[in-house]
Amino acid sequence: LHNPVLGGGFHAVATQSVWDRFKGQK
């Protein structure tokens, strides 16, 4: 939703800094 065109890169969700930024949001 924050990056609808390109996403966050390969395995972005498994990146701690990315997780810390978006955790808790549904």
PDB file of all heavy atoms in Angstrom:
ATOM      1  N   LEU A   1       0.828  -1.209   0.000  1.00  0.00           N
ATOM      2  CA  LEU A   1       0.000   0.000   0.000  1.00  0.00           C
ATOM      3  C   LEU A   1       0.861   1.257   0.000  1.00  0.00           C
ATOM      4  O   LEU A   1       0.487   2.278  -0.588  1.00  0.00           O
ATOM      5  CB  LEU A   1      -0.937  -0.007   1.209  1.00  0.00           C
ATOM      6  CG  LEU A   1      -2.098  -1.010   1.153  1.00  0.00           C
ATOM      7  CD1 LEU A   1      -2.800  -1.095   2.500  1.00  0.00           C
ATOM      8  CD2 LEU A   1      -3.085  -0.636   0.052  1.00  0.00           C
ATOM      9  N   HIS A   2       2.005   1.205   0.670  1.00  0.00           N
ATOM     10  CA  HIS A   2       2.917   2.346   0.687  1.00  0.00           C
ATOM     11  C   HIS A   2       3.742   2.439  -0.603  1.00  0.00           C
ATOM     12  O   HIS A   2       4.210   3.526  -0.961  1.00  0.00           O
ATOM     13  CB  HIS A   2       3.864   2.256   1.897  1.00  0.00           C
ATOM     14  CG  HIS A   2       3.258   2.743   3.163  1.00  0.00           C
ATOM     15  ND1 HIS A   2       2.339   2.005   3.888  1.00  0.00           N
ATOM     16  CD2 HIS A   2       3.415   3.909   3.857  1.00  0.00           C
ATOM     17  CE1 HIS A   2       1.972   2.676   4.972  1.00  0.00           C
ATOM     18  NE2 HIS A   2       2.605   3.841   4.968  1.00  0.00           N
ATOM     19  N   ASN A   3       3.927   1.301  -1.275  1.00  0.00           N
ATOM     20  CA  ASN A   3       4.721   1.256  -2.506  1.00  0.00           C
ATOM     21  C   ASN A   3       3.990   0.403  -3.549  1.00  0.00           C
ATOM     22  O   ASN A   3       4.437  -0.700  -3.878  1.00  0.00           O
ATOM     23  CB  ASN A   3       6.114   0.660  -2.244  1.00  0.00           C
ATOM     24  CG  ASN A   3       6.866   1.401  -1.160  1.00  0.00           C
ATOM     25  OD1 ASN A   3       7.581   2.350  -1.427  1.00  0.00           O
ATOM     26  ND2 ASN A   3       6.699   0.942   0.080  1.00  0.00           N
ATOM     27  N   PRO A   4       2.845   0.886  -4.051  1.00  0.00           N
ATOM     28  CA  PRO A   4       2.002   0.043  -4.911  1.00  0.00           C
ATOM     29  C   PRO A   4       2.627  -0.338  -6.246  1.00  0.00           C
ATOM     30  O   PRO A   4       2.265  -1.361  -6.817  1.00  0.00           O
ATOM     31  CB  PRO A   4       0.748   0.908  -5.125  1.00  0.00           C
ATOM     32  CG  PRO A   4       1.212   2.307  -4.882  1.00  0.00           C
ATOM     33  CD  PRO A   4       2.256   2.204  -3.824  1.00  0.00           C
ATOM     34  N   VAL A   5       3.577   0.442  -6.743  1.00  0.00           N
ATOM     35  CA  VAL A   5       4.147   0.174  -8.060  1.00  0.00           C
ATOM     36  C   VAL A   5       5.344  -0.767  -7.985  1.00  0.00           C
ATOM     37  O   VAL A   5       5.454  -1.714  -8.772  1.00  0.00           O
ATOM     38  CB  VAL A   5       4.559   1.489  -8.757  1.00  0.00           C
ATOM     39  CG1 VAL A   5       5.206   1.193 -10.114  1.00  0.00           C
ATOM     40  CG2 VAL A   5       3.348   2.390  -8.939  1.00  0.00           C
ATOM     41  N   LEU A   6       6.238  -0.554  -7.015  1.00  0.00           N
ATOM     42  CA  LEU A   6       7.474  -1.331  -6.962  1.00  0.00           C
ATOM     43  C   LEU A   6       7.632  -2.182  -5.709  1.00  0.00           C
ATOM     44  O   LEU A   6       8.507  -3.044  -5.660  1.00  0.00           O
ATOM     45  CB  LEU A   6       8.687  -0.397  -7.080  1.00  0.00           C
ATOM     46  CG  LEU A   6       8.818   0.364  -8.401  1.00  0.00           C
ATOM     47  CD1 LEU A   6      10.021   1.297  -8.357  1.00  0.00           C
ATOM     48  CD2 LEU A   6       8.937  -0.599  -9.576  1.00  0.00           C
ATOM     49  N   GLY A   7       6.839  -1.992  -4.692  1.00  0.00           N
ATOM     50  CA  GLY A   7       6.994  -2.765  -3.468  1.00  0.00           C
ATOM     51  C   GLY A   7       8.246  -2.372  -2.706  1.00  0.00           C
ATOM     52  O   GLY A   7       8.839  -1.315  -2.937  1.00  0.00           O
ATOM     53  N   GLY A   8       8.673  -3.247  -1.809  1.00  0.00           N
ATOM     54  CA  GLY A   8       9.802  -2.927  -0.941  1.00  0.00           C
ATOM     55  C   GLY A   8      11.088  -3.635  -1.268  1.00  0.00           C
ATOM     56  O   GLY A   8      12.077  -3.491  -0.551  1.00  0.00           O
ATOM     57  N   GLY A   9      11.120  -4.425  -2.358  1.00  0.00           N
ATOM     58  CA  GLY A   9      12.313  -5.200  -2.687  1.00  0.00           C
ATOM     59  C   GLY A   9      12.166  -6.636  -2.213  1.00  0.00           C
ATOM     60  O   GLY A   9      11.272  -6.966  -1.427  1.00  0.00           O
ATOM     61  N   PHE A  10      13.039  -7.501  -2.668  1.00  0.00           N
ATOM     62  CA  PHE A  10      12.928  -8.931  -2.375  1.00  0.00           C
ATOM     63  C   PHE A  10      13.021  -9.207  -0.869  1.00  0.00           C
ATOM     64  O   PHE A  10      13.980  -8.801  -0.217  1.00  0.00           O
ATOM     65  CB  PHE A  10      14.008  -9.715  -3.126  1.00  0.00           C
ATOM     66  CG  PHE A  10      13.728  -9.838  -4.586  1.00  0.00           C
ATOM     67  CD1 PHE A  10      14.103  -8.825  -5.467  1.00  0.00           C
ATOM     68  CD2 PHE A  10      13.066 -10.935  -5.100  1.00  0.00           C
ATOM     69  CE1 PHE A  10      13.835  -8.924  -6.830  1.00  0.00           C
ATOM     70  CE2 PHE A  10      12.786 -11.046  -6.455  1.00  0.00           C
ATOM     71  CZ  PHE A  10      13.167 -10.033  -7.323  1.00  0.00           C
ATOM     72  N   HIS A  11      11.989  -9.887  -0.370  1.00  0.00           N
ATOM     73  CA  HIS A  11      11.866 -10.246   1.054  1.00  0.00           C
ATOM     74  C   HIS A  11      11.937  -9.009   1.951  1.00  0.00           C
ATOM     75  O   HIS A  11      12.581  -9.026   3.000  1.00  0.00           O
ATOM     76  CB  HIS A  11      12.935 -11.269   1.449  1.00  0.00           C
ATOM     77  CG  HIS A  11      12.578 -12.668   1.045  1.00  0.00           C
ATOM     78  ND1 HIS A  11      13.021 -13.781   1.697  1.00  0.00           N
ATOM     79  CD2 HIS A  11      11.800 -13.131   0.037  1.00  0.00           C
ATOM     80  CE1 HIS A  11      12.546 -14.867   1.113  1.00  0.00           C
ATOM     81  NE2 HIS A  11      11.800 -14.499   0.102  1.00  0.00           N
ATOM     82  N   ALA A  12      11.247  -7.964   1.526  1.00  0.00           N
ATOM     83  CA  ALA A  12      11.232  -6.728   2.311  1.00  0.00           C
ATOM     84  C   ALA A  12      10.650  -6.951   3.699  1.00  0.00           C
ATOM     85  O   ALA A  12      11.128  -6.388   4.691  1.00  0.00           O
ATOM     86  CB  ALA A  12      10.423  -5.662   1.570  1.00  0.00           C
ATOM     87  N   VAL A  13       9.616  -7.799   3.789  1.00  0.00           N
ATOM     88  CA  VAL A  13       8.968  -8.026   5.082  1.00  0.00           C
ATOM     89  C   VAL A  13       9.911  -8.707   6.068  1.00  0.00           C
ATOM     90  O   VAL A  13       9.739  -8.583   7.294  1.00  0.00           O
ATOM     91  CB  VAL A  13       7.677  -8.867   4.897  1.00  0.00           C
ATOM     92  CG1 VAL A  13       8.016 -10.304   4.517  1.00  0.00           C
ATOM     93  CG2 VAL A  13       6.804  -8.828   6.141  1.00  0.00           C
ATOM     94  N   ALA A  14      10.930  -9.410   5.554  1.00  0.00           N
ATOM     95  CA  ALA A  14      11.900 -10.094   6.414  1.00  0.00           C
ATOM     96  C   ALA A  14      13.103  -9.208   6.728  1.00  0.00           C
ATOM     97  O   ALA A  14      14.169  -9.713   7.080  1.00  0.00           O
ATOM     98  CB  ALA A  14      12.357 -11.390   5.762  1.00  0.00           C
ATOM     99  N   THR A  15      12.940  -7.917   6.580  1.00  0.00           N
ATOM    100  CA  THR A  15      13.976  -6.940   6.926  1.00  0.00           C
ATOM    101  C   THR A  15      13.573  -6.239   8.216  1.00  0.00           C
ATOM    102  O   THR A  15      12.481  -5.669   8.286  1.00  0.00           O
ATOM    103  CB  THR A  15      14.142  -5.909   5.794  1.00  0.00           C
ATOM    104  OG1 THR A  15      14.463  -6.596   4.579  1.00  0.00           O
ATOM    105  CG2 THR A  15      15.233  -4.910   6.126  1.00  0.00           C
ATOM    106  N   GLN A  16      14.406  -6.274   9.220  1.00  0.00           N
ATOM    107  CA  GLN A  16      14.028  -5.774  10.537  1.00  0.00           C
ATOM    108  C   GLN A  16      13.632  -4.299  10.514  1.00  0.00           C
ATOM    109  O   GLN A  16      12.631  -3.911  11.129  1.00  0.00           O
ATOM    110  CB  GLN A  16      15.185  -5.973  11.527  1.00  0.00           C
ATOM    111  CG  GLN A  16      14.812  -5.675  12.974  1.00  0.00           C
ATOM    112  CD  GLN A  16      13.727  -6.609  13.506  1.00  0.00           C
ATOM    113  OE1 GLN A  16      13.877  -7.826  13.472  1.00  0.00           O
ATOM    114  NE2 GLN A  16      12.628  -6.046  13.981  1.00  0.00           N
ATOM    115  N   SER A  17      14.378  -3.476   9.792  1.00  0.00           N
ATOM    116  CA  SER A  17      14.050  -2.047   9.762  1.00  0.00           C
ATOM    117  C   SER A  17      12.700  -1.791   9.093  1.00  0.00           C
ATOM    118  O   SER A  17      11.943  -0.902   9.515  1.00  0.00           O
ATOM    119  CB  SER A  17      15.155  -1.272   9.028  1.00  0.00           C
ATOM    120  OG  SER A  17      15.319  -1.756   7.700  1.00  0.00           O
ATOM    121  N   VAL A  18      12.392  -2.578   8.067  1.00  0.00           N
ATOM    122  CA  VAL A  18      11.095  -2.446   7.400  1.00  0.00           C
ATOM    123  C   VAL A  18       9.984  -2.935   8.314  1.00  0.00           C
ATOM    124  O   VAL A  18       8.915  -2.314   8.419  1.00  0.00           O
ATOM    125  CB  VAL A  18      11.097  -3.229   6.070  1.00  0.00           C
ATOM    126  CG1 VAL A  18       9.726  -3.154   5.396  1.00  0.00           C
ATOM    127  CG2 VAL A  18      12.176  -2.707   5.140  1.00  0.00           C
ATOM    128  N   TRP A  19      10.238  -4.045   8.975  1.00  0.00           N
ATOM    129  CA  TRP A  19       9.249  -4.586   9.911  1.00  0.00           C
ATOM    130  C   TRP A  19       8.950  -3.580  11.029  1.00  0.00           C
ATOM    131  O   TRP A  19       7.787  -3.359  11.392  1.00  0.00           O
ATOM    132  CB  TRP A  19       9.746  -5.900  10.488  1.00  0.00           C
ATOM    133  CG  TRP A  19       8.773  -6.567  11.416  1.00  0.00           C
ATOM    134  CD1 TRP A  19       8.659  -6.391  12.765  1.00  0.00           C
ATOM    135  CD2 TRP A  19       7.749  -7.509  11.049  1.00  0.00           C
ATOM    136  NE1 TRP A  19       7.639  -7.162  13.265  1.00  0.00           N
ATOM    137  CE2 TRP A  19       7.072  -7.862  12.247  1.00  0.00           C
ATOM    138  CE3 TRP A  19       7.364  -8.105   9.855  1.00  0.00           C
ATOM    139  CZ2 TRP A  19       6.021  -8.769  12.260  1.00  0.00           C
ATOM    140  CZ3 TRP A  19       6.317  -9.012   9.863  1.00  0.00           C
ATOM    141  CH2 TRP A  19       5.655  -9.331  11.045  1.00  0.00           C
ATOM    142  N   ASP A  20       9.997  -2.985  11.558  1.00  0.00           N
ATOM    143  CA  ASP A  20       9.812  -2.009  12.641  1.00  0.00           C
ATOM    144  C   ASP A  20       8.980  -0.821  12.176  1.00  0.00           C
ATOM    145  O   ASP A  20       8.216  -0.243  12.964  1.00  0.00           O
ATOM    146  CB  ASP A  20      11.171  -1.508  13.138  1.00  0.00           C
ATOM    147  CG  ASP A  20      11.941  -2.582  13.887  1.00  0.00           C
ATOM    148  OD1 ASP A  20      11.306  -3.529  14.379  1.00  0.00           O
ATOM    149  OD2 ASP A  20      13.184  -2.488  13.972  1.00  0.00           O
ATOM    150  N   ARG A  21       9.110  -0.474  10.916  1.00  0.00           N
ATOM    151  CA  ARG A  21       8.379   0.682  10.378  1.00  0.00           C
ATOM    152  C   ARG A  21       6.890   0.400  10.222  1.00  0.00           C
ATOM    153  O   ARG A  21       6.053   1.292  10.451  1.00  0.00           O
ATOM    154  CB  ARG A  21       8.984   1.077   9.028  1.00  0.00           C
ATOM    155  CG  ARG A  21       8.282   2.233   8.344  1.00  0.00           C
ATOM    156  CD  ARG A  21       8.987   2.591   7.047  1.00  0.00           C
ATOM    157  NE  ARG A  21       8.268   3.633   6.326  1.00  0.00           N
ATOM    158  CZ  ARG A  21       8.663   4.149   5.164  1.00  0.00           C
ATOM    159  NH1 ARG A  21       9.798   3.729   4.618  1.00  0.00           N
ATOM    160  NH2 ARG A  21       7.949   5.077   4.563  1.00  0.00           N
ATOM    161  N   PHE A  22       6.533  -0.831   9.852  1.00  0.00           N
ATOM    162  CA  PHE A  22       5.139  -1.122   9.513  1.00  0.00           C
ATOM    163  C   PHE A  22       4.434  -2.081  10.477  1.00  0.00           C
ATOM    164  O   PHE A  22       3.248  -2.340  10.305  1.00  0.00           O
ATOM    165  CB  PHE A  22       5.070  -1.719   8.098  1.00  0.00           C
ATOM    166  CG  PHE A  22       5.538  -0.791   7.026  1.00  0.00           C
ATOM    167  CD1 PHE A  22       6.684  -1.067   6.299  1.00  0.00           C
ATOM    168  CD2 PHE A  22       4.834   0.371   6.745  1.00  0.00           C
ATOM    169  CE1 PHE A  22       7.121  -0.212   5.303  1.00  0.00           C
ATOM    170  CE2 PHE A  22       5.262   1.237   5.745  1.00  0.00           C
ATOM    171  CZ  PHE A  22       6.412   0.947   5.025  1.00  0.00           C
ATOM    172  N   LYS A  23       5.138  -2.603  11.461  1.00  0.00           N
ATOM    173  CA  LYS A  23       4.509  -3.578  12.366  1.00  0.00           C
ATOM    174  C   LYS A  23       3.307  -2.959  13.092  1.00  0.00           C
ATOM    175  O   LYS A  23       3.293  -1.771  13.398  1.00  0.00           O
ATOM    176  CB  LYS A  23       5.534  -4.088  13.385  1.00  0.00           C
ATOM    177  CG  LYS A  23       6.017  -3.022  14.364  1.00  0.00           C
ATOM    178  CD  LYS A  23       7.047  -3.594  15.323  1.00  0.00           C
ATOM    179  CE  LYS A  23       7.534  -2.535  16.311  1.00  0.00           C
ATOM    180  NZ  LYS A  23       8.566  -3.064  17.224  1.00  0.00           N
ATOM    181  N   GLY A  24       2.326  -3.797  13.331  1.00  0.00           N
ATOM    182  CA  GLY A  24       1.121  -3.345  14.010  1.00  0.00           C
ATOM    183  C   GLY A  24       0.063  -2.794  13.087  1.00  0.00           C
ATOM    184  O   GLY A  24      -1.107  -2.680  13.476  1.00  0.00           O
ATOM    185  N   GLN A  25       0.436  -2.449  11.848  1.00  0.00           N
ATOM    186  CA  GLN A  25      -0.539  -1.968  10.872  1.00  0.00           C
ATOM    187  C   GLN A  25      -1.167  -3.161  10.147  1.00  0.00           C
ATOM    188  O   GLN A  25      -0.489  -4.145   9.868  1.00  0.00           O
ATOM    189  CB  GLN A  25       0.136  -1.028   9.876  1.00  0.00           C
ATOM    190  CG  GLN A  25       0.798   0.192  10.521  1.00  0.00           C
ATOM    191  CD  GLN A  25       1.455   1.095   9.511  1.00  0.00           C
ATOM    192  OE1 GLN A  25       0.877   1.397   8.460  1.00  0.00           O
ATOM    193  NE2 GLN A  25       2.677   1.547   9.807  1.00  0.00           N
ATOM    194  N   LYS A  26      -2.440  -3.071   9.824  1.00  0.00           N
ATOM    195  CA  LYS A  26      -3.163  -4.232   9.315  1.00  0.00           C
ATOM    196  C   LYS A  26      -3.355  -4.234   7.798  1.00  0.00           C
ATOM    197  O   LYS A  26      -3.673  -5.269   7.217  1.00  0.00           O
ATOM    198  CB  LYS A  26      -4.518  -4.342  10.008  1.00  0.00           C
ATOM    199  CG  LYS A  26      -4.391  -4.569  11.515  1.00  0.00           C
ATOM    200  CD  LYS A  26      -5.731  -4.759  12.169  1.00  0.00           C
ATOM    201  CE  LYS A  26      -5.584  -5.023  13.667  1.00  0.00           C
ATOM    202  NZ  LYS A  26      -6.890  -5.238  14.330  1.00  0.00           N
TER     203      LYS A  26
END
